[in-house]
Amino acid sequence: MKPRNWGFWAGAAAALALAALAVATVRNEYYFFAAYVVIQFVVLATAWNILGGYAGYVNFGASAFFGVGAYIAVMLIKATGVPLAVQIAGAAAVGGALGFGVGLLTLRLRGIFFSIATVAITIILETTVINWRYVGGATGIQILRPPVMEPFDSYTKMLFIAVVLLAIVAVAIARYIETSWLGRGLRAVRDNEEAAECAGVPTLKLKLMACTVSGALMSAAGAPLAMYQSFVEPASAFNLTYSVSALAMPIIGGTSHWIGPVIGAILLGTVQQVVTVTISSELNVLVVGVLLVLFVVAAPEGIVGLARRFAARFRKRES
């Protein structure tokens, strides 16, 4: 295994160990309730960046995949009462299939036309769920949590560990894609799709693969929502805030590297939680908008780009 791989997996193991230590020692449930949201955004932002960052196809449909994941979990709970791991796996499978189908319909479009098409997908799916009585329709549906599993003493802590594991898997997948032939092909698509096609890069195939993986991870991020809230309704599951946050977090952190969405999600997600507690949750979108404008104007390459710029200046001074 390469040294970089050792470093990544050591960091992932340390993060998981820190999460397990927190579960064993921290008694205040709110910290896990808030941390769950932040880590959930790590998964969502990382998934968005696979298509939006690496390939340059700006997707405003993150809330569609997130909502589908939540309602697939609801459907599985109501039909069979399967455990959380199966709910996440089922949501990922359906999200991947949806991503492939949406990709076939929309990935021949480019620029603003692709973005508008992804918004339309969100509206179509939300309208479908609103009129689907089996999962509660427009009024939503109440979910009863099953007994908590050992060694956890609360369901919130179990959900926290589950989403940490999901975040590690999502980041590992994004990291592999970035450093593989798939990532190189997606970057060629982002830089100049026509030139990539002329050079023999299978652009549509690569975009479909990226859309499938991205859709699977975004839906997996939405699957635990039913157990987290114990109640799901279309207005919250398909909330446009998820799409805005999934786009803003990689841009703030930096779309060129897998660590960018992680940094952006932790930073912006934490700020949103602080604002929710100290001021009002209604200001979350305002916070996202202000930070997004600041970074687009002052640091278009995000925090990762700023770090690289400062590192280059430091090396230049040293030489």
C-alpha atoms as a PDB file:
ATOM      1  CA  MET A   1       0.000   0.000   0.000  1.00  0.00           C
ATOM      2  CA  LYS A   2       1.300   3.471  -0.892  1.00  0.00           C
ATOM      3  CA  PRO A   3       2.317   5.848   1.945  1.00  0.00           C
ATOM      4  CA  ARG A   4      -0.489   8.241   0.995  1.00  0.00           C
ATOM      5  CA  ASN A   5      -2.997   5.403   1.341  1.00  0.00           C
ATOM      6  CA  TRP A   6      -1.591   4.517   4.739  1.00  0.00           C
ATOM      7  CA  GLY A   7      -1.982   8.140   5.805  1.00  0.00           C
ATOM      8  CA  PHE A   8      -5.575   8.336   4.630  1.00  0.00           C
ATOM      9  CA  TRP A   9      -6.693   5.117   6.287  1.00  0.00           C
ATOM     10  CA  ALA A  10      -4.834   6.019   9.484  1.00  0.00           C
ATOM     11  CA  GLY A  11      -6.733   9.318   9.508  1.00  0.00           C
ATOM     12  CA  ALA A  12     -10.024   7.514   8.864  1.00  0.00           C
ATOM     13  CA  ALA A  13      -9.328   5.067  11.697  1.00  0.00           C
ATOM     14  CA  ALA A  14      -8.458   7.968  14.009  1.00  0.00           C
ATOM     15  CA  ALA A  15     -11.712   9.758  13.106  1.00  0.00           C
ATOM     16  CA  LEU A  16     -13.724   6.608  13.793  1.00  0.00           C
ATOM     17  CA  ALA A  17     -11.908   6.015  17.081  1.00  0.00           C
ATOM     18  CA  LEU A  18     -12.558   9.621  18.119  1.00  0.00           C
ATOM     19  CA  ALA A  19     -16.249   9.209  17.281  1.00  0.00           C
ATOM     20  CA  ALA A  20     -16.415   5.977  19.320  1.00  0.00           C
ATOM     21  CA  LEU A  21     -14.679   7.699  22.255  1.00  0.00           C
ATOM     22  CA  ALA A  22     -17.207  10.541  22.100  1.00  0.00           C
ATOM     23  CA  VAL A  23     -20.079   8.037  22.123  1.00  0.00           C
ATOM     24  CA  ALA A  24     -18.629   6.357  25.205  1.00  0.00           C
ATOM     25  CA  THR A  25     -17.887   9.515  27.194  1.00  0.00           C
ATOM     26  CA  VAL A  26     -20.218  12.360  26.136  1.00  0.00           C
ATOM     27  CA  ARG A  27     -23.646  12.299  27.781  1.00  0.00           C
ATOM     28  CA  ASN A  28     -25.316  15.311  26.157  1.00  0.00           C
ATOM     29  CA  GLU A  29     -27.415  13.953  23.273  1.00  0.00           C
ATOM     30  CA  TYR A  30     -27.542  17.303  21.498  1.00  0.00           C
ATOM     31  CA  TYR A  31     -23.884  17.138  20.471  1.00  0.00           C
ATOM     32  CA  PHE A  32     -24.548  13.941  18.531  1.00  0.00           C
ATOM     33  CA  PHE A  33     -27.790  15.360  17.147  1.00  0.00           C
ATOM     34  CA  ALA A  34     -25.885  18.368  15.746  1.00  0.00           C
ATOM     35  CA  ALA A  35     -22.774  16.417  14.714  1.00  0.00           C
ATOM     36  CA  TYR A  36     -24.955  14.032  12.716  1.00  0.00           C
ATOM     37  CA  VAL A  37     -26.088  16.937  10.506  1.00  0.00           C
ATOM     38  CA  VAL A  38     -22.513  18.141   9.932  1.00  0.00           C
ATOM     39  CA  ILE A  39     -21.212  14.674   9.003  1.00  0.00           C
ATOM     40  CA  GLN A  40     -24.275  14.104   6.811  1.00  0.00           C
ATOM     41  CA  PHE A  41     -23.249  17.197   4.857  1.00  0.00           C
ATOM     42  CA  VAL A  42     -19.749  15.731   4.441  1.00  0.00           C
ATOM     43  CA  VAL A  43     -21.333  12.785   2.604  1.00  0.00           C
ATOM     44  CA  LEU A  44     -23.635  15.017   0.567  1.00  0.00           C
ATOM     45  CA  ALA A  45     -20.917  17.507  -0.431  1.00  0.00           C
ATOM     46  CA  THR A  46     -18.446  14.746  -1.296  1.00  0.00           C
ATOM     47  CA  ALA A  47     -21.054  13.006  -3.444  1.00  0.00           C
ATOM     48  CA  TRP A  48     -21.960  16.250  -5.239  1.00  0.00           C
ATOM     49  CA  ASN A  49     -18.307  16.977  -5.987  1.00  0.00           C
ATOM     50  CA  ILE A  50     -17.835  13.719  -7.930  1.00  0.00           C
ATOM     51  CA  LEU A  51     -19.974  15.099 -10.757  1.00  0.00           C
ATOM     52  CA  GLY A  52     -20.094  18.830 -10.031  1.00  0.00           C
ATOM     53  CA  GLY A  53     -16.445  19.324  -9.098  1.00  0.00           C
ATOM     54  CA  TYR A  54     -14.488  16.705 -11.024  1.00  0.00           C
ATOM     55  CA  ALA A  55     -16.569  16.849 -14.221  1.00  0.00           C
ATOM     56  CA  GLY A  56     -17.809  20.442 -13.952  1.00  0.00           C
ATOM     57  CA  TYR A  57     -21.517  19.576 -14.290  1.00  0.00           C
ATOM     58  CA  VAL A  58     -23.288  21.776 -11.729  1.00  0.00           C
ATOM     59  CA  ASN A  59     -26.100  19.716 -10.230  1.00  0.00           C
ATOM     60  CA  PHE A  60     -28.986  21.427  -8.411  1.00  0.00           C
ATOM     61  CA  GLY A  61     -30.749  18.104  -7.856  1.00  0.00           C
ATOM     62  CA  ALA A  62     -28.988  16.950  -4.684  1.00  0.00           C
ATOM     63  CA  SER A  63     -32.235  17.349  -2.723  1.00  0.00           C
ATOM     64  CA  ALA A  64     -33.950  14.972  -5.182  1.00  0.00           C
ATOM     65  CA  PHE A  65     -31.511  12.139  -4.458  1.00  0.00           C
ATOM     66  CA  PHE A  66     -31.458  12.942  -0.743  1.00  0.00           C
ATOM     67  CA  GLY A  67     -35.257  12.841  -0.583  1.00  0.00           C
ATOM     68  CA  VAL A  68     -35.410   9.612  -2.583  1.00  0.00           C
ATOM     69  CA  GLY A  69     -32.987   8.024  -0.110  1.00  0.00           C
ATOM     70  CA  ALA A  70     -35.167   9.098   2.809  1.00  0.00           C
ATOM     71  CA  TYR A  71     -38.342   7.724   1.240  1.00  0.00           C
ATOM     72  CA  ILE A  72     -36.738   4.464   0.128  1.00  0.00           C
ATOM     73  CA  ALA A  73     -35.835   3.965   3.794  1.00  0.00           C
ATOM     74  CA  VAL A  74     -39.435   4.778   4.789  1.00  0.00           C
ATOM     75  CA  MET A  75     -40.756   2.271   2.252  1.00  0.00           C
ATOM     76  CA  LEU A  76     -38.394  -0.461   3.480  1.00  0.00           C
ATOM     77  CA  ILE A  77     -39.266   0.221   7.133  1.00  0.00           C
ATOM     78  CA  LYS A  78     -42.983   0.097   6.431  1.00  0.00           C
ATOM     79  CA  ALA A  79     -42.808  -2.987   4.202  1.00  0.00           C
ATOM     80  CA  THR A  80     -40.304  -5.200   6.000  1.00  0.00           C
ATOM     81  CA  GLY A  81     -38.855  -3.366   9.019  1.00  0.00           C
ATOM     82  CA  VAL A  82     -35.275  -3.954   7.863  1.00  0.00           C
ATOM     83  CA  PRO A  83     -32.326  -2.617   9.916  1.00  0.00           C
ATOM     84  CA  LEU A  84     -30.568   0.675   9.214  1.00  0.00           C
ATOM     85  CA  ALA A  85     -27.695  -0.861   7.229  1.00  0.00           C
ATOM     86  CA  VAL A  86     -30.145  -2.435   4.768  1.00  0.00           C
ATOM     87  CA  GLN A  87     -32.028   0.850   4.491  1.00  0.00           C
ATOM     88  CA  ILE A  88     -28.816   2.671   3.534  1.00  0.00           C
ATOM     89  CA  ALA A  89     -27.819  -0.058   1.061  1.00  0.00           C
ATOM     90  CA  GLY A  90     -31.280  -0.045  -0.542  1.00  0.00           C
ATOM     91  CA  ALA A  91     -31.292   3.744  -0.816  1.00  0.00           C
ATOM     92  CA  ALA A  92     -27.818   3.681  -2.401  1.00  0.00           C
ATOM     93  CA  ALA A  93     -28.920   1.077  -4.962  1.00  0.00           C
ATOM     94  CA  VAL A  94     -32.036   3.036  -5.942  1.00  0.00           C
ATOM     95  CA  GLY A  95     -30.089   6.316  -5.940  1.00  0.00           C
ATOM     96  CA  GLY A  96     -27.451   4.828  -8.224  1.00  0.00           C
ATOM     97  CA  ALA A  97     -30.109   3.555 -10.638  1.00  0.00           C
ATOM     98  CA  LEU A  98     -31.830   6.946 -10.537  1.00  0.00           C
ATOM     99  CA  GLY A  99     -28.521   8.686 -11.169  1.00  0.00           C
ATOM    100  CA  PHE A 100     -27.878   6.489 -14.193  1.00  0.00           C
ATOM    101  CA  GLY A 101     -31.367   7.159 -15.562  1.00  0.00           C
ATOM    102  CA  VAL A 102     -31.174  10.889 -14.932  1.00  0.00           C
ATOM    103  CA  GLY A 103     -27.736  10.920 -16.533  1.00  0.00           C
ATOM    104  CA  LEU A 104     -29.043   9.285 -19.691  1.00  0.00           C
ATOM    105  CA  LEU A 105     -31.713  11.987 -19.935  1.00  0.00           C
ATOM    106  CA  THR A 106     -29.680  15.059 -18.984  1.00  0.00           C
ATOM    107  CA  LEU A 107     -25.932  14.600 -19.469  1.00  0.00           C
ATOM    108  CA  ARG A 108     -26.112  15.479 -23.159  1.00  0.00           C
ATOM    109  CA  LEU A 109     -27.123  18.943 -21.965  1.00  0.00           C
ATOM    110  CA  ARG A 110     -24.453  21.364 -20.800  1.00  0.00           C
ATOM    111  CA  GLY A 111     -24.146  24.435 -18.630  1.00  0.00           C
ATOM    112  CA  ILE A 112     -27.286  26.095 -17.370  1.00  0.00           C
ATOM    113  CA  PHE A 113     -29.489  23.709 -19.348  1.00  0.00           C
ATOM    114  CA  PHE A 114     -28.198  20.716 -17.381  1.00  0.00           C
ATOM    115  CA  SER A 115     -28.649  22.598 -14.095  1.00  0.00           C
ATOM    116  CA  ILE A 116     -32.260  23.517 -14.929  1.00  0.00           C
ATOM    117  CA  ALA A 117     -32.988  19.889 -15.846  1.00  0.00           C
ATOM    118  CA  THR A 118     -31.771  18.705 -12.428  1.00  0.00           C
ATOM    119  CA  VAL A 119     -34.092  21.202 -10.711  1.00  0.00           C
ATOM    120  CA  ALA A 120     -36.960  19.790 -12.778  1.00  0.00           C
ATOM    121  CA  ILE A 121     -36.090  16.268 -11.582  1.00  0.00           C
ATOM    122  CA  THR A 122     -36.437  17.449  -7.979  1.00  0.00           C
ATOM    123  CA  ILE A 123     -39.873  18.942  -8.643  1.00  0.00           C
ATOM    124  CA  ILE A 124     -41.070  15.785 -10.427  1.00  0.00           C
ATOM    125  CA  LEU A 125     -39.926  13.450  -7.641  1.00  0.00           C
ATOM    126  CA  GLU A 126     -41.318  15.634  -4.852  1.00  0.00           C
ATOM    127  CA  THR A 127     -44.688  15.850  -6.628  1.00  0.00           C
ATOM    128  CA  THR A 128     -44.710  12.065  -7.035  1.00  0.00           C
ATOM    129  CA  VAL A 129     -44.097  11.509  -3.317  1.00  0.00           C
ATOM    130  CA  ILE A 130     -46.729  14.108  -2.355  1.00  0.00           C
ATOM    131  CA  ASN A 131     -49.307  12.031  -4.220  1.00  0.00           C
ATOM    132  CA  TRP A 132     -48.070   8.636  -2.948  1.00  0.00           C
ATOM    133  CA  ARG A 133     -50.280   7.733   0.001  1.00  0.00           C
ATOM    134  CA  TYR A 134     -48.307   4.596   0.913  1.00  0.00           C
ATOM    135  CA  VAL A 135     -45.439   6.750   2.255  1.00  0.00           C
ATOM    136  CA  GLY A 136     -47.671   9.374   3.841  1.00  0.00           C
ATOM    137  CA  GLY A 137     -48.300  11.731   0.933  1.00  0.00           C
ATOM    138  CA  ALA A 138     -48.191  15.478   1.577  1.00  0.00           C
ATOM    139  CA  THR A 139     -48.861  15.120   5.321  1.00  0.00           C
ATOM    140  CA  GLY A 140     -45.782  12.991   5.953  1.00  0.00           C
ATOM    141  CA  ILE A 141     -45.374   9.802   7.950  1.00  0.00           C
ATOM    142  CA  GLN A 142     -44.380   9.000  11.527  1.00  0.00           C
ATOM    143  CA  ILE A 143     -41.619   6.430  12.025  1.00  0.00           C
ATOM    144  CA  LEU A 144     -41.225   4.385  15.182  1.00  0.00           C
ATOM    145  CA  ARG A 145     -37.607   3.669  16.039  1.00  0.00           C
ATOM    146  CA  PRO A 146     -36.789   0.039  16.850  1.00  0.00           C
ATOM    147  CA  PRO A 147     -34.971  -0.840  20.085  1.00  0.00           C
ATOM    148  CA  VAL A 148     -31.405   0.449  20.104  1.00  0.00           C
ATOM    149  CA  MET A 149     -28.668  -2.106  19.374  1.00  0.00           C
ATOM    150  CA  GLU A 150     -25.746  -2.915  21.637  1.00  0.00           C
ATOM    151  CA  PRO A 151     -23.309  -1.381  22.522  1.00  0.00           C
ATOM    152  CA  PHE A 152     -25.190   1.920  22.076  1.00  0.00           C
ATOM    153  CA  ASP A 153     -27.402   3.402  24.775  1.00  0.00           C
ATOM    154  CA  SER A 154     -29.337   5.723  22.442  1.00  0.00           C
ATOM    155  CA  TYR A 155     -30.463   5.694  18.826  1.00  0.00           C
ATOM    156  CA  THR A 156     -28.951   9.139  18.152  1.00  0.00           C
ATOM    157  CA  LYS A 157     -25.482   7.836  19.029  1.00  0.00           C
ATOM    158  CA  MET A 158     -25.963   4.829  16.769  1.00  0.00           C
ATOM    159  CA  LEU A 159     -27.011   7.091  13.888  1.00  0.00           C
ATOM    160  CA  PHE A 160     -23.957   9.261  14.535  1.00  0.00           C
ATOM    161  CA  ILE A 161     -21.570   6.301  14.209  1.00  0.00           C
ATOM    162  CA  ALA A 162     -23.453   5.095  11.110  1.00  0.00           C
ATOM    163  CA  VAL A 163     -23.088   8.436   9.352  1.00  0.00           C
ATOM    164  CA  VAL A 164     -19.392   8.648  10.316  1.00  0.00           C
ATOM    165  CA  LEU A 165     -18.833   5.256   8.664  1.00  0.00           C
ATOM    166  CA  LEU A 166     -20.817   6.419   5.628  1.00  0.00           C
ATOM    167  CA  ALA A 167     -18.693   9.581   5.409  1.00  0.00           C
ATOM    168  CA  ILE A 168     -15.480   7.529   5.472  1.00  0.00           C
ATOM    169  CA  VAL A 169     -16.803   5.324   2.655  1.00  0.00           C
ATOM    170  CA  ALA A 170     -17.913   8.352   0.600  1.00  0.00           C
ATOM    171  CA  VAL A 171     -14.591  10.163   0.994  1.00  0.00           C
ATOM    172  CA  ALA A 172     -12.639   6.983   0.189  1.00  0.00           C
ATOM    173  CA  ILE A 173     -14.651   6.519  -3.021  1.00  0.00           C
ATOM    174  CA  ALA A 174     -14.182  10.173  -4.032  1.00  0.00           C
ATOM    175  CA  ARG A 175     -10.459   9.941  -3.299  1.00  0.00           C
ATOM    176  CA  TYR A 176     -10.098   6.801  -5.396  1.00  0.00           C
ATOM    177  CA  ILE A 177     -12.002   8.377  -8.289  1.00  0.00           C
ATOM    178  CA  GLU A 178      -9.853  11.517  -8.136  1.00  0.00           C
ATOM    179  CA  THR A 179      -6.577   9.586  -8.387  1.00  0.00           C
ATOM    180  CA  SER A 180      -7.750   6.976 -10.928  1.00  0.00           C
ATOM    181  CA  TRP A 181      -8.199   6.992 -14.688  1.00  0.00           C
ATOM    182  CA  LEU A 182     -11.835   7.940 -14.083  1.00  0.00           C
ATOM    183  CA  GLY A 183     -10.811  11.130 -12.309  1.00  0.00           C
ATOM    184  CA  ARG A 184      -8.342  12.042 -15.054  1.00  0.00           C
ATOM    185  CA  GLY A 185     -11.055  11.552 -17.650  1.00  0.00           C
ATOM    186  CA  LEU A 186     -13.558  13.646 -15.686  1.00  0.00           C
ATOM    187  CA  ARG A 187     -11.021  16.477 -15.359  1.00  0.00           C
ATOM    188  CA  ALA A 188     -10.522  16.352 -19.123  1.00  0.00           C
ATOM    189  CA  VAL A 189     -14.300  16.695 -19.532  1.00  0.00           C
ATOM    190  CA  ARG A 190     -14.335  19.667 -17.169  1.00  0.00           C
ATOM    191  CA  ASP A 191     -11.459  21.459 -18.897  1.00  0.00           C
ATOM    192  CA  ASN A 192     -12.608  20.950 -22.490  1.00  0.00           C
ATOM    193  CA  GLU A 193     -15.189  18.302 -23.327  1.00  0.00           C
ATOM    194  CA  GLU A 194     -14.845  18.674 -27.116  1.00  0.00           C
ATOM    195  CA  ALA A 195     -11.073  18.242 -26.952  1.00  0.00           C
ATOM    196  CA  ALA A 196     -11.498  15.222 -24.664  1.00  0.00           C
ATOM    197  CA  GLU A 197     -13.864  13.588 -27.160  1.00  0.00           C
ATOM    198  CA  CYS A 198     -11.439  14.253 -30.015  1.00  0.00           C
ATOM    199  CA  ALA A 199      -8.661  12.628 -27.944  1.00  0.00           C
ATOM    200  CA  GLY A 200     -10.745   9.468 -27.567  1.00  0.00           C
ATOM    201  CA  VAL A 201     -12.008   9.975 -24.012  1.00  0.00           C
ATOM    202  CA  PRO A 202     -15.409   8.222 -23.587  1.00  0.00           C
ATOM    203  CA  THR A 203     -17.012  11.342 -22.139  1.00  0.00           C
ATOM    204  CA  LEU A 204     -20.607  10.114 -21.885  1.00  0.00           C
ATOM    205  CA  LYS A 205     -19.544   6.844 -20.250  1.00  0.00           C
ATOM    206  CA  LEU A 206     -17.442   8.683 -17.660  1.00  0.00           C
ATOM    207  CA  LYS A 207     -20.210  11.174 -16.898  1.00  0.00           C
ATOM    208  CA  LEU A 208     -22.732   8.362 -16.468  1.00  0.00           C
ATOM    209  CA  MET A 209     -20.407   6.578 -14.052  1.00  0.00           C
ATOM    210  CA  ALA A 210     -19.897   9.775 -12.065  1.00  0.00           C
ATOM    211  CA  CYS A 211     -23.642  10.506 -12.003  1.00  0.00           C
ATOM    212  CA  THR A 212     -24.399   6.965 -10.831  1.00  0.00           C
ATOM    213  CA  VAL A 213     -21.858   7.018  -7.989  1.00  0.00           C
ATOM    214  CA  SER A 214     -22.852  10.547  -6.979  1.00  0.00           C
ATOM    215  CA  GLY A 215     -26.549   9.640  -6.939  1.00  0.00           C
ATOM    216  CA  ALA A 216     -25.923   6.499  -4.894  1.00  0.00           C
ATOM    217  CA  LEU A 217     -23.982   8.379  -2.212  1.00  0.00           C
ATOM    218  CA  MET A 218     -26.460  11.271  -2.005  1.00  0.00           C
ATOM    219  CA  SER A 219     -29.356   8.847  -1.568  1.00  0.00           C
ATOM    220  CA  ALA A 220     -27.388   6.915   1.049  1.00  0.00           C
ATOM    221  CA  ALA A 221     -26.917  10.199   2.936  1.00  0.00           C
ATOM    222  CA  GLY A 222     -30.687  10.681   3.002  1.00  0.00           C
ATOM    223  CA  ALA A 223     -31.571   7.166   4.173  1.00  0.00           C
ATOM    224  CA  PRO A 224     -31.013   7.699   7.938  1.00  0.00           C
ATOM    225  CA  LEU A 225     -33.207  10.833   7.905  1.00  0.00           C
ATOM    226  CA  ALA A 226     -36.335   8.822   8.728  1.00  0.00           C
ATOM    227  CA  MET A 227     -34.826   7.390  11.898  1.00  0.00           C
ATOM    228  CA  TYR A 228     -33.082  10.662  12.759  1.00  0.00           C
ATOM    229  CA  GLN A 229     -36.273  12.751  12.754  1.00  0.00           C
ATOM    230  CA  SER A 230     -38.805   9.950  13.419  1.00  0.00           C
ATOM    231  CA  PHE A 231     -40.959  11.810  10.900  1.00  0.00           C
ATOM    232  CA  VAL A 232     -40.584  12.447   7.160  1.00  0.00           C
ATOM    233  CA  GLU A 233     -42.522  14.793   4.913  1.00  0.00           C
ATOM    234  CA  PRO A 234     -41.847  15.833   1.285  1.00  0.00           C
ATOM    235  CA  ALA A 235     -41.249  19.504   2.112  1.00  0.00           C
ATOM    236  CA  SER A 236     -38.345  18.661   4.437  1.00  0.00           C
ATOM    237  CA  ALA A 237     -36.911  15.635   2.606  1.00  0.00           C
ATOM    238  CA  PHE A 238     -36.770  17.437  -0.758  1.00  0.00           C
ATOM    239  CA  ASN A 239     -35.853  20.828   0.723  1.00  0.00           C
ATOM    240  CA  LEU A 240     -33.860  22.974  -1.708  1.00  0.00           C
ATOM    241  CA  THR A 241     -31.486  23.826   1.147  1.00  0.00           C
ATOM    242  CA  TYR A 242     -29.820  20.445   0.644  1.00  0.00           C
ATOM    243  CA  SER A 243     -29.069  21.318  -2.988  1.00  0.00           C
ATOM    244  CA  VAL A 244     -27.729  24.756  -2.094  1.00  0.00           C
ATOM    245  CA  SER A 245     -25.552  23.396   0.725  1.00  0.00           C
ATOM    246  CA  ALA A 246     -24.271  20.483  -1.383  1.00  0.00           C
ATOM    247  CA  LEU A 247     -23.132  22.995  -4.005  1.00  0.00           C
ATOM    248  CA  ALA A 248     -21.782  25.655  -1.629  1.00  0.00           C
ATOM    249  CA  MET A 249     -19.695  23.377   0.585  1.00  0.00           C
ATOM    250  CA  PRO A 250     -17.364  22.020  -2.146  1.00  0.00           C
ATOM    251  CA  ILE A 251     -16.995  25.505  -3.636  1.00  0.00           C
ATOM    252  CA  ILE A 252     -16.014  26.934  -0.245  1.00  0.00           C
ATOM    253  CA  GLY A 253     -13.651  24.059   0.512  1.00  0.00           C
ATOM    254  CA  GLY A 254     -12.345  23.616  -3.028  1.00  0.00           C
ATOM    255  CA  THR A 255     -13.610  21.334  -5.785  1.00  0.00           C
ATOM    256  CA  SER A 256     -10.225  20.246  -7.151  1.00  0.00           C
ATOM    257  CA  HIS A 257      -9.321  17.927  -4.252  1.00  0.00           C
ATOM    258  CA  TRP A 258     -11.269  15.342  -2.259  1.00  0.00           C
ATOM    259  CA  ILE A 259     -10.493  17.136   1.015  1.00  0.00           C
ATOM    260  CA  GLY A 260     -12.189  20.344  -0.201  1.00  0.00           C
ATOM    261  CA  PRO A 261     -15.818  19.184   0.265  1.00  0.00           C
ATOM    262  CA  VAL A 262     -14.895  17.732   3.670  1.00  0.00           C
ATOM    263  CA  ILE A 263     -13.449  21.052   4.851  1.00  0.00           C
ATOM    264  CA  GLY A 264     -16.330  23.043   3.383  1.00  0.00           C
ATOM    265  CA  ALA A 265     -18.969  20.759   4.906  1.00  0.00           C
ATOM    266  CA  ILE A 266     -17.415  20.801   8.380  1.00  0.00           C
ATOM    267  CA  LEU A 267     -16.937  24.577   8.285  1.00  0.00           C
ATOM    268  CA  LEU A 268     -20.311  25.526   6.859  1.00  0.00           C
ATOM    269  CA  GLY A 269     -22.234  22.791   8.675  1.00  0.00           C
ATOM    270  CA  THR A 270     -20.777  23.849  12.029  1.00  0.00           C
ATOM    271  CA  VAL A 271     -21.532  27.519  11.370  1.00  0.00           C
ATOM    272  CA  GLN A 272     -25.115  26.608  10.474  1.00  0.00           C
ATOM    273  CA  GLN A 273     -25.563  24.648  13.696  1.00  0.00           C
ATOM    274  CA  VAL A 274     -24.156  27.525  15.763  1.00  0.00           C
ATOM    275  CA  VAL A 275     -26.447  30.005  14.012  1.00  0.00           C
ATOM    276  CA  THR A 276     -29.431  27.697  14.568  1.00  0.00           C
ATOM    277  CA  VAL A 277     -28.769  27.504  18.303  1.00  0.00           C
ATOM    278  CA  THR A 278     -27.757  31.127  18.928  1.00  0.00           C
ATOM    279  CA  ILE A 279     -29.936  33.086  16.481  1.00  0.00           C
ATOM    280  CA  SER A 280     -32.405  31.257  14.231  1.00  0.00           C
ATOM    281  CA  SER A 281     -32.479  28.387  11.758  1.00  0.00           C
ATOM    282  CA  GLU A 282     -34.103  30.772   9.273  1.00  0.00           C
ATOM    283  CA  LEU A 283     -30.707  32.459   8.800  1.00  0.00           C
ATOM    284  CA  ASN A 284     -28.966  29.285   7.582  1.00  0.00           C
ATOM    285  CA  VAL A 285     -29.589  30.027   3.914  1.00  0.00           C
ATOM    286  CA  LEU A 286     -28.372  33.605   4.425  1.00  0.00           C
ATOM    287  CA  VAL A 287     -25.146  32.317   5.989  1.00  0.00           C
ATOM    288  CA  VAL A 288     -24.615  29.933   3.064  1.00  0.00           C
ATOM    289  CA  GLY A 289     -25.254  32.711   0.558  1.00  0.00           C
ATOM    290  CA  VAL A 290     -22.905  35.220   2.211  1.00  0.00           C
ATOM    291  CA  LEU A 291     -20.044  32.711   2.541  1.00  0.00           C
ATOM    292  CA  LEU A 292     -20.569  31.478  -1.016  1.00  0.00           C
ATOM    293  CA  VAL A 293     -20.388  35.002  -2.453  1.00  0.00           C
ATOM    294  CA  LEU A 294     -17.298  35.815  -0.386  1.00  0.00           C
ATOM    295  CA  PHE A 295     -15.428  32.717  -1.544  1.00  0.00           C
ATOM    296  CA  VAL A 296     -16.491  33.009  -5.188  1.00  0.00           C
ATOM    297  CA  VAL A 297     -15.206  36.608  -5.272  1.00  0.00           C
ATOM    298  CA  ALA A 298     -12.163  36.394  -3.002  1.00  0.00           C
ATOM    299  CA  ALA A 299     -11.105  32.732  -3.292  1.00  0.00           C
ATOM    300  CA  PRO A 300     -12.687  31.033  -6.334  1.00  0.00           C
ATOM    301  CA  GLU A 301     -10.525  27.937  -5.793  1.00  0.00           C
ATOM    302  CA  GLY A 302     -11.767  27.572  -2.214  1.00  0.00           C
ATOM    303  CA  ILE A 303      -9.832  26.945   0.967  1.00  0.00           C
ATOM    304  CA  VAL A 304      -7.701  24.279  -0.731  1.00  0.00           C
ATOM    305  CA  GLY A 305      -6.739  26.777  -3.427  1.00  0.00           C
ATOM    306  CA  LEU A 306      -5.841  29.389  -0.805  1.00  0.00           C
ATOM    307  CA  ALA A 307      -3.656  26.881   1.037  1.00  0.00           C
ATOM    308  CA  ARG A 308      -1.847  25.966  -2.177  1.00  0.00           C
ATOM    309  CA  ARG A 309      -1.322  29.632  -3.012  1.00  0.00           C
ATOM    310  CA  PHE A 310       0.162  30.407   0.414  1.00  0.00           C
ATOM    311  CA  ALA A 311       2.346  27.285   0.249  1.00  0.00           C
ATOM    312  CA  ALA A 312       3.678  28.330  -3.173  1.00  0.00           C
ATOM    313  CA  ARG A 313       4.482  31.825  -1.885  1.00  0.00           C
ATOM    314  CA  PHE A 314       6.256  30.372   1.155  1.00  0.00           C
ATOM    315  CA  ARG A 315       8.379  28.067  -1.000  1.00  0.00           C
ATOM    316  CA  LYS A 316       9.190  30.974  -3.292  1.00  0.00           C
ATOM    317  CA  ARG A 317      10.391  33.069  -0.353  1.00  0.00           C
ATOM    318  CA  GLU A 318      12.472  30.173   0.983  1.00  0.00           C
ATOM    319  CA  SER A 319      14.197  29.755  -2.382  1.00  0.00           C
END
